[in-house]
Amino acid sequence: KIIDLASGTVLPTPFLDITFEVGQGQGPGILGMTFDPDYATNGHFYVSWTSADDGIYGMGISYVARYTVSPTNPNFADPATEVRIISADQPNTDHNWDWIGFSNRPGDQGNLYICSGDGGGLEDNGPNHMKPDGNAQSTENLLGKILRIHIEDDGSYTIPTNNPFFGAPPPTKQEIWTFGLRNPFRAS
């Protein structure tokens, strides 16, 4: 929603409404948002959200998706502009993807960081979790990590060459920046 600072009122039309695809309740939902470093020029912003009950486990899918503000109305973004950047199936409805943000550190500008929970469960050791040590300890999935990617103009992404697993063969996930985390949901 948008607050008109001059009048102190909430505008009746939300900036972005994606309730038709976003899960509601404990775990799923909109969990993070960040503006593109070039938002003033390209109008792009990114949302971290999780669906309700789809995916291979029926527990939802976490996404980072790009949306674009209307060129004629800066208070509205059309959901049809969605470009899904990256996703991961969730084994449970807790410890999903949360905070996202772009780096402004010299040499790291424009890289997007994604806080990814381990998928919940019983201490990352329940059904649908990697065996024997859980999702967070595995380099074969995107859960229980902080991910770092570089988003290209077309909505695809590349891997920064100084990511720890850059160039590693599959099934290792090159998006991993740090791993072994339970539920990183904030960063700075």
Protein backbone atom coordinates (compact mmCIF):
# COMPACT_ATOMS: atom_id res chain seq x y z
CA LYS A 1 0.00 0.00 0.00
CA ILE A 2 1.05 3.61 -0.48
CA ILE A 3 0.62 6.42 2.02
CA ASP A 4 0.08 9.89 0.61
CA LEU A 5 2.44 11.82 2.89
CA ALA A 6 0.79 15.17 2.18
CA SER A 7 -2.66 14.02 3.34
CA GLY A 8 -1.58 11.16 5.63
CA THR A 9 -4.06 8.81 3.95
CA VAL A 10 -3.60 5.35 2.49
CA LEU A 11 -4.33 5.27 -1.24
CA PRO A 12 -7.21 2.91 -2.08
CA THR A 13 -5.34 1.05 -4.85
CA PRO A 14 -2.36 -1.01 -3.64
CA PHE A 15 1.01 -0.53 -5.32
CA LEU A 16 1.12 -4.25 -6.10
CA ASP A 17 -1.55 -6.90 -5.54
CA ILE A 18 -0.38 -10.48 -6.07
CA THR A 19 -2.73 -12.14 -3.59
CA PHE A 20 -3.97 -14.42 -6.40
CA GLU A 21 -0.65 -16.32 -6.39
CA VAL A 22 0.87 -15.73 -2.97
CA GLY A 23 0.19 -18.06 -0.05
CA GLN A 24 -1.32 -16.69 3.14
CA GLY A 25 -0.69 -17.66 6.74
CA GLN A 26 2.27 -18.93 8.76
CA GLY A 27 5.25 -19.42 6.44
CA PRO A 28 4.08 -18.56 2.93
CA GLY A 29 3.36 -15.04 1.73
CA ILE A 30 5.29 -11.93 0.73
CA LEU A 31 8.42 -12.05 2.83
CA GLY A 32 10.81 -9.54 1.24
CA MET A 33 11.03 -6.65 -1.21
CA THR A 34 13.80 -4.51 -2.63
CA PHE A 35 14.13 -1.86 -5.30
CA ASP A 36 16.51 -2.32 -8.23
CA PRO A 37 19.61 -0.12 -7.87
CA ASP A 38 18.48 1.58 -11.13
CA TYR A 39 14.80 1.81 -10.12
CA ALA A 40 14.63 5.52 -11.04
CA THR A 41 15.53 4.56 -14.62
CA ASN A 42 14.09 1.07 -15.18
CA GLY A 43 11.20 0.92 -12.66
CA HIS A 44 12.12 -2.61 -11.53
CA PHE A 45 11.65 -3.95 -8.02
CA TYR A 46 11.85 -7.46 -6.61
CA VAL A 47 9.62 -9.43 -4.26
CA SER A 48 10.43 -12.59 -2.33
CA TRP A 49 7.24 -14.60 -1.96
CA THR A 50 6.09 -18.17 -1.33
CA SER A 51 3.00 -19.85 -2.73
CA ALA A 52 0.65 -21.91 -0.57
CA ASP A 53 0.44 -25.58 -1.46
CA ASP A 54 2.01 -26.35 -4.82
CA GLY A 55 5.44 -27.62 -5.81
CA ILE A 56 6.83 -31.13 -5.73
CA TYR A 57 6.12 -31.52 -1.99
CA GLY A 58 2.75 -29.71 -1.99
CA MET A 59 4.15 -27.20 0.55
CA GLY A 60 4.68 -24.20 -1.73
CA ILE A 61 7.40 -22.72 -3.88
CA SER A 62 9.57 -19.75 -2.90
CA TYR A 63 10.25 -17.21 -5.64
CA VAL A 64 12.16 -14.04 -6.22
CA ALA A 65 10.26 -12.20 -8.93
CA ARG A 66 10.79 -8.89 -10.68
CA TYR A 67 7.94 -6.43 -11.27
CA THR A 68 7.91 -3.08 -13.05
CA VAL A 69 6.16 0.09 -11.98
CA SER A 70 3.67 1.61 -14.44
CA PRO A 71 5.31 4.17 -16.76
CA THR A 72 2.24 6.40 -16.38
CA ASN A 73 1.41 5.92 -12.68
CA PRO A 74 4.28 5.72 -10.17
CA ASN A 75 1.83 4.45 -7.54
CA PHE A 76 0.96 1.24 -9.42
CA ALA A 77 2.79 -1.89 -10.58
CA ASP A 78 0.95 -4.32 -12.86
CA PRO A 79 1.25 -7.97 -11.68
CA ALA A 80 1.41 -8.96 -15.38
CA THR A 81 4.95 -7.51 -15.50
CA GLU A 82 6.17 -10.37 -13.30
CA VAL A 83 9.40 -12.08 -14.32
CA ARG A 84 10.30 -15.01 -12.07
CA ILE A 85 14.03 -14.93 -11.45
CA ILE A 86 14.76 -17.92 -9.19
CA SER A 87 12.73 -20.43 -7.18
CA ALA A 88 12.94 -23.39 -4.82
CA ASP A 89 10.40 -25.99 -3.74
CA GLN A 90 9.67 -25.92 -0.01
CA PRO A 91 9.59 -29.22 1.93
CA ASN A 92 7.49 -27.64 4.73
CA THR A 93 5.52 -24.44 5.24
CA ASP A 94 8.09 -22.74 7.47
CA HIS A 95 11.60 -21.28 7.06
CA ASN A 96 11.00 -20.01 3.53
CA TRP A 97 12.84 -17.32 1.57
CA ASP A 98 12.75 -13.96 3.33
CA TRP A 99 14.84 -10.79 3.11
CA ILE A 100 16.36 -9.80 -0.24
CA GLY A 101 18.60 -6.86 -1.01
CA PHE A 102 21.15 -5.50 -3.45
CA SER A 103 24.72 -4.85 -2.40
CA ASN A 104 26.23 -1.40 -2.73
CA ARG A 105 29.70 -2.43 -1.53
CA PRO A 106 32.52 -1.53 -3.95
CA GLY A 107 33.21 -4.50 -6.20
CA ASP A 108 29.89 -6.12 -5.26
CA GLN A 109 27.41 -3.53 -6.58
CA GLY A 110 24.27 -4.91 -8.14
CA ASN A 111 24.53 -8.41 -6.70
CA LEU A 112 21.30 -9.61 -5.11
CA TYR A 113 21.43 -11.43 -1.76
CA ILE A 114 18.59 -13.81 -0.86
CA CYS A 115 18.03 -15.14 2.68
CA SER A 116 16.81 -18.72 2.33
CA GLY A 117 15.54 -20.75 5.27
CA ASP A 118 16.20 -24.49 5.53
CA GLY A 119 12.60 -25.45 4.77
CA GLY A 120 11.53 -26.00 8.37
CA GLY A 121 10.69 -29.46 9.52
CA LEU A 122 12.08 -31.12 12.63
CA GLU A 123 15.49 -29.44 13.03
CA ASP A 124 16.00 -29.65 9.22
CA ASN A 125 15.67 -33.41 9.43
CA GLY A 126 12.04 -34.13 8.58
CA PRO A 127 10.35 -35.55 5.51
CA ASN A 128 11.59 -34.10 2.20
CA HIS A 129 14.87 -32.85 3.72
CA MET A 130 18.28 -33.88 2.37
CA LYS A 131 19.79 -36.87 4.14
CA PRO A 132 21.80 -37.34 6.29
CA ASP A 133 22.52 -33.78 7.43
CA GLY A 134 19.58 -31.67 6.21
CA ASN A 135 19.09 -28.97 3.59
CA ALA A 136 21.26 -26.32 5.23
CA GLN A 137 24.41 -28.50 5.16
CA SER A 138 23.90 -29.66 1.57
CA THR A 139 25.36 -27.75 -1.38
CA GLU A 140 22.89 -29.55 -3.64
CA ASN A 141 19.88 -27.33 -2.88
CA LEU A 142 19.14 -23.64 -2.27
CA LEU A 143 17.66 -24.01 1.24
CA GLY A 144 19.37 -22.99 4.47
CA LYS A 145 21.63 -20.51 2.71
CA ILE A 146 22.30 -16.94 1.75
CA LEU A 147 22.32 -16.88 -2.04
CA ARG A 148 24.08 -14.30 -4.21
CA ILE A 149 23.24 -13.75 -7.88
CA HIS A 150 23.56 -10.97 -10.43
CA ILE A 151 20.34 -10.18 -12.30
CA GLU A 152 20.65 -9.30 -15.97
CA ASP A 153 18.44 -6.82 -17.86
CA ASP A 154 16.31 -9.61 -19.38
CA GLY A 155 15.47 -11.12 -15.96
CA SER A 156 17.92 -13.98 -16.17
CA TYR A 157 20.78 -14.14 -13.71
CA THR A 158 24.47 -14.95 -13.65
CA ILE A 159 26.69 -16.21 -10.85
CA PRO A 160 29.30 -13.78 -9.50
CA THR A 161 32.71 -15.28 -10.24
CA ASN A 162 33.83 -14.94 -6.62
CA ASN A 163 30.92 -16.98 -5.20
CA PRO A 164 32.44 -19.87 -3.21
CA PHE A 165 31.08 -22.56 -5.56
CA PHE A 166 31.42 -20.68 -8.86
CA GLY A 167 32.27 -23.17 -11.60
CA ALA A 168 31.46 -26.22 -9.47
CA PRO A 169 29.78 -29.04 -11.43
CA PRO A 170 26.17 -30.03 -10.76
CA PRO A 171 24.54 -30.93 -8.46
CA THR A 172 26.39 -28.22 -6.47
CA LYS A 173 24.44 -24.95 -6.55
CA GLN A 174 26.69 -22.07 -7.62
CA GLU A 175 24.22 -19.50 -6.24
CA ILE A 176 25.36 -20.31 -2.67
CA TRP A 177 27.18 -17.50 -0.85
CA THR A 178 26.98 -19.06 2.64
CA PHE A 179 25.40 -22.28 3.84
CA GLY A 180 24.56 -24.15 7.04
CA LEU A 181 21.92 -21.63 8.17
CA ARG A 182 18.62 -22.45 9.84
CA ASN A 183 16.42 -19.48 8.98
CA PRO A 184 18.21 -16.28 7.95
CA PHE A 185 15.38 -13.79 7.67
CA ARG A 186 17.13 -10.44 8.04
CA ALA A 187 20.44 -9.04 6.80
CA SER A 188 22.25 -5.75 6.56
